[in-house]
């Protein structure tokens, strides 16, 4: 609990360093009603969804929005708007999956705040599996300065999440066995 408060404090400091710009971005709402461009356009940006209280990906397909009022990466959005939001898919260990294909993919290493390539075998695996390095970075990476400063707290949050997840899985298996007896 203590580390969550520190992470929240980090977001406050991060907002202060950006001035009121971060506050504006955290309140920006995508214009989903504008017609799409005649030419192909798909600009990925991230915004804070006030209703769901979490950062979301938004793909701008119209010609009228520049993307300026939004964050360029999920990490920037989380650091400024929702510091204790989990990114579960990014916290999975690398998993090559099964099968006979040998596809180069990218995974996020949460201990180093970097994306690395790996060989995916085509089936199974987990969601920490990106076709493009840029996609991995946009979805998972924390802003460098933020990560360096709050690394211990971030890693503790991930450890706690993974521990709770393992306990829940363990309990459900035990409950299943008890119900069979």
Protein backbone atom coordinates (compact mmCIF):
# COMPACT_ATOMS: atom_id res chain seq x y z
CA UNK A 1 0.00 0.00 0.00
CA UNK A 2 2.87 2.30 0.86
CA UNK A 3 4.39 1.97 -2.62
CA UNK A 4 1.07 2.79 -4.31
CA UNK A 5 1.02 6.09 -2.44
CA UNK A 6 4.56 6.77 -3.61
CA UNK A 7 3.58 6.02 -7.20
CA UNK A 8 0.63 8.41 -6.86
CA UNK A 9 3.03 11.02 -5.50
CA UNK A 10 5.24 10.43 -8.55
CA UNK A 11 2.34 11.19 -10.85
CA UNK A 12 1.66 14.39 -8.98
CA UNK A 13 5.29 15.41 -9.41
CA UNK A 14 5.17 14.42 -13.05
CA UNK A 15 2.06 16.55 -13.60
CA UNK A 16 3.74 19.46 -11.91
CA UNK A 17 6.74 19.20 -14.22
CA UNK A 18 4.44 19.38 -17.25
CA UNK A 19 2.44 22.20 -15.71
CA UNK A 20 -1.24 22.35 -16.63
CA UNK A 21 -0.61 20.50 -19.90
CA UNK A 22 -0.86 17.08 -18.22
CA UNK A 23 -4.14 18.06 -16.55
CA UNK A 24 -5.57 19.10 -19.93
CA UNK A 25 -4.44 15.87 -21.56
CA UNK A 26 -5.94 13.77 -18.76
CA UNK A 27 -9.30 15.44 -19.48
CA UNK A 28 -9.17 15.32 -23.30
CA UNK A 29 -11.92 13.30 -24.95
CA UNK A 30 -11.49 11.66 -28.39
CA UNK A 31 -13.71 12.91 -31.22
CA UNK A 32 -15.14 9.55 -32.26
CA UNK A 33 -17.96 11.08 -34.30
CA UNK A 34 -15.80 12.72 -36.97
CA UNK A 35 -15.85 11.01 -40.40
CA UNK A 36 -12.75 9.00 -41.37
CA UNK A 37 -10.18 10.31 -43.84
CA UNK A 38 -10.45 9.40 -47.50
CA UNK A 39 -6.77 8.50 -47.39
CA UNK A 40 -5.74 5.77 -44.96
CA UNK A 41 -4.82 7.12 -41.55
CA UNK A 42 -4.32 5.32 -38.24
CA UNK A 43 -2.54 7.40 -35.62
CA UNK A 44 -2.28 5.67 -32.23
CA UNK A 45 -2.68 7.85 -29.15
CA UNK A 46 -3.62 7.24 -25.52
CA UNK A 47 -6.17 9.07 -23.39
CA UNK A 48 -7.58 8.83 -19.88
CA UNK A 49 -11.12 7.46 -19.96
CA UNK A 50 -12.92 9.32 -17.15
CA UNK A 51 -15.74 6.76 -16.99
CA UNK A 52 -13.52 3.69 -16.70
CA UNK A 53 -10.81 5.54 -14.74
CA UNK A 54 -8.01 4.11 -16.86
CA UNK A 55 -5.83 4.95 -19.82
CA UNK A 56 -7.04 3.59 -23.16
CA UNK A 57 -5.69 3.34 -26.68
CA UNK A 58 -7.39 5.52 -29.28
CA UNK A 59 -6.76 5.25 -33.01
CA UNK A 60 -7.34 8.52 -34.83
CA UNK A 61 -8.74 7.79 -38.30
CA UNK A 62 -10.08 11.24 -39.21
CA UNK A 63 -8.15 14.05 -40.91
CA UNK A 64 -9.16 16.77 -38.45
CA UNK A 65 -7.45 15.61 -35.23
CA UNK A 66 -3.72 16.08 -34.77
CA UNK A 67 -3.39 13.85 -31.72
CA UNK A 68 -1.81 16.71 -29.77
CA UNK A 69 -4.25 16.68 -26.83
CA UNK A 70 -3.47 13.00 -26.15
CA UNK A 71 -0.44 11.05 -24.93
CA UNK A 72 1.95 9.40 -27.42
CA UNK A 73 2.39 6.28 -25.24
CA UNK A 74 0.43 4.31 -22.66
CA UNK A 75 3.27 4.89 -20.19
CA UNK A 76 2.97 8.67 -20.51
CA UNK A 77 -0.78 8.50 -19.95
CA UNK A 78 -0.46 6.27 -16.89
CA UNK A 79 2.39 8.28 -15.39
CA UNK A 80 0.36 11.49 -15.64
CA UNK A 81 -3.23 10.38 -15.11
CA UNK A 82 -3.43 6.98 -13.39
CA UNK A 83 -0.11 5.91 -11.83
CA UNK A 84 -1.44 2.73 -10.20
CA UNK A 85 -3.15 1.35 -13.32
CA UNK A 86 -1.95 -2.15 -14.09
CA UNK A 87 -0.81 -3.21 -17.53
CA UNK A 88 -1.27 -6.92 -17.02
CA UNK A 89 -0.25 -8.06 -20.48
CA UNK A 90 3.04 -6.20 -20.11
CA UNK A 91 3.77 -7.93 -16.81
CA UNK A 92 3.73 -11.46 -18.23
CA UNK A 93 7.02 -13.29 -18.64
CA UNK A 94 8.09 -13.97 -22.23
CA UNK A 95 6.37 -17.11 -23.57
CA UNK A 96 7.47 -18.65 -26.88
CA UNK A 97 4.22 -20.59 -27.22
CA UNK A 98 4.01 -23.84 -29.13
CA UNK A 99 3.94 -24.85 -32.77
CA UNK A 100 6.41 -25.02 -35.61
CA UNK A 101 6.47 -21.46 -36.87
CA UNK A 102 9.44 -19.25 -36.07
CA UNK A 103 8.12 -15.70 -35.97
CA UNK A 104 10.12 -12.76 -34.68
CA UNK A 105 8.06 -10.91 -32.09
CA UNK A 106 8.65 -8.41 -29.30
CA UNK A 107 8.00 -8.65 -25.56
CA UNK A 108 8.27 -6.13 -22.73
CA UNK A 109 10.79 -6.83 -19.97
CA UNK A 110 9.29 -5.04 -16.98
CA UNK A 111 12.52 -5.29 -14.94
CA UNK A 112 14.41 -3.20 -17.50
CA UNK A 113 11.57 -1.13 -19.02
CA UNK A 114 12.60 -2.29 -22.52
CA UNK A 115 11.25 -4.36 -25.37
CA UNK A 116 13.25 -7.29 -26.73
CA UNK A 117 12.77 -9.60 -29.69
CA UNK A 118 12.04 -13.30 -29.25
CA UNK A 119 10.99 -16.24 -31.39
CA UNK A 120 7.29 -17.04 -31.18
CA UNK A 121 6.29 -20.55 -32.26
CA UNK A 122 2.92 -19.50 -33.67
CA UNK A 123 0.34 -20.66 -31.10
CA UNK A 124 -0.45 -20.15 -27.43
CA UNK A 125 1.87 -17.91 -25.49
CA UNK A 126 0.45 -14.86 -23.73
CA UNK A 127 -0.48 -11.25 -24.50
CA UNK A 128 3.06 -9.92 -23.93
CA UNK A 129 3.65 -10.60 -27.62
CA UNK A 130 3.87 -7.73 -30.09
CA UNK A 131 4.45 -7.83 -33.85
CA UNK A 132 6.29 -4.50 -33.85
CA UNK A 133 8.81 -3.05 -31.39
CA UNK A 134 7.09 0.35 -31.52
CA UNK A 135 3.78 -1.26 -30.56
CA UNK A 136 5.48 -2.89 -27.55
CA UNK A 137 7.03 0.41 -26.48
CA UNK A 138 3.78 2.37 -26.90
CA UNK A 139 1.74 -0.14 -24.89
CA UNK A 140 4.15 -1.00 -22.10
CA UNK A 141 7.09 1.30 -21.57
CA UNK A 142 7.10 3.87 -18.78
CA UNK A 143 8.69 7.26 -19.49
CA UNK A 144 12.41 6.72 -18.75
CA UNK A 145 12.82 9.36 -16.05
CA UNK A 146 9.66 8.18 -14.29
CA UNK A 147 10.80 4.54 -14.39
CA UNK A 148 14.30 5.30 -13.12
CA UNK A 149 12.94 7.35 -10.22
CA UNK A 150 10.13 4.95 -9.22
CA UNK A 151 11.64 1.61 -10.35
CA UNK A 152 11.47 -0.08 -6.93
CA UNK A 153 7.84 0.90 -6.38
CA UNK A 154 6.83 -0.17 -9.88
CA UNK A 155 8.55 -3.55 -9.49
CA UNK A 156 6.94 -4.02 -6.06
CA UNK A 157 3.52 -3.31 -7.57
CA UNK A 158 4.17 -5.89 -10.30
CA UNK A 159 5.41 -8.43 -7.74
CA UNK A 160 2.30 -7.89 -5.60
CA UNK A 161 0.01 -8.24 -8.63
CA UNK A 162 1.73 -11.46 -9.74
CA UNK A 163 1.65 -12.88 -6.20
CA UNK A 164 -2.08 -12.14 -5.79
CA UNK A 165 -2.77 -13.66 -9.19
CA UNK A 166 -0.86 -16.83 -8.27
CA UNK A 167 -2.76 -17.08 -4.96
CA UNK A 168 -6.11 -16.74 -6.73
CA UNK A 169 -5.17 -19.48 -9.18
CA UNK A 170 -4.04 -21.70 -6.29
CA UNK A 171 -7.26 -21.15 -4.33
CA UNK A 172 -9.48 -21.95 -7.27
CA UNK A 173 -7.65 -25.25 -7.86
CA UNK A 174 -7.98 -26.15 -4.16
CA UNK A 175 -11.67 -25.28 -4.21
CA UNK A 176 -12.11 -27.46 -7.29
CA UNK A 177 -10.44 -30.41 -5.57
CA UNK A 178 -12.54 -29.95 -2.41
CA UNK A 179 -15.75 -29.92 -4.41
CA UNK A 180 -14.82 -33.23 -6.07
CA UNK A 181 -14.30 -35.00 -2.69
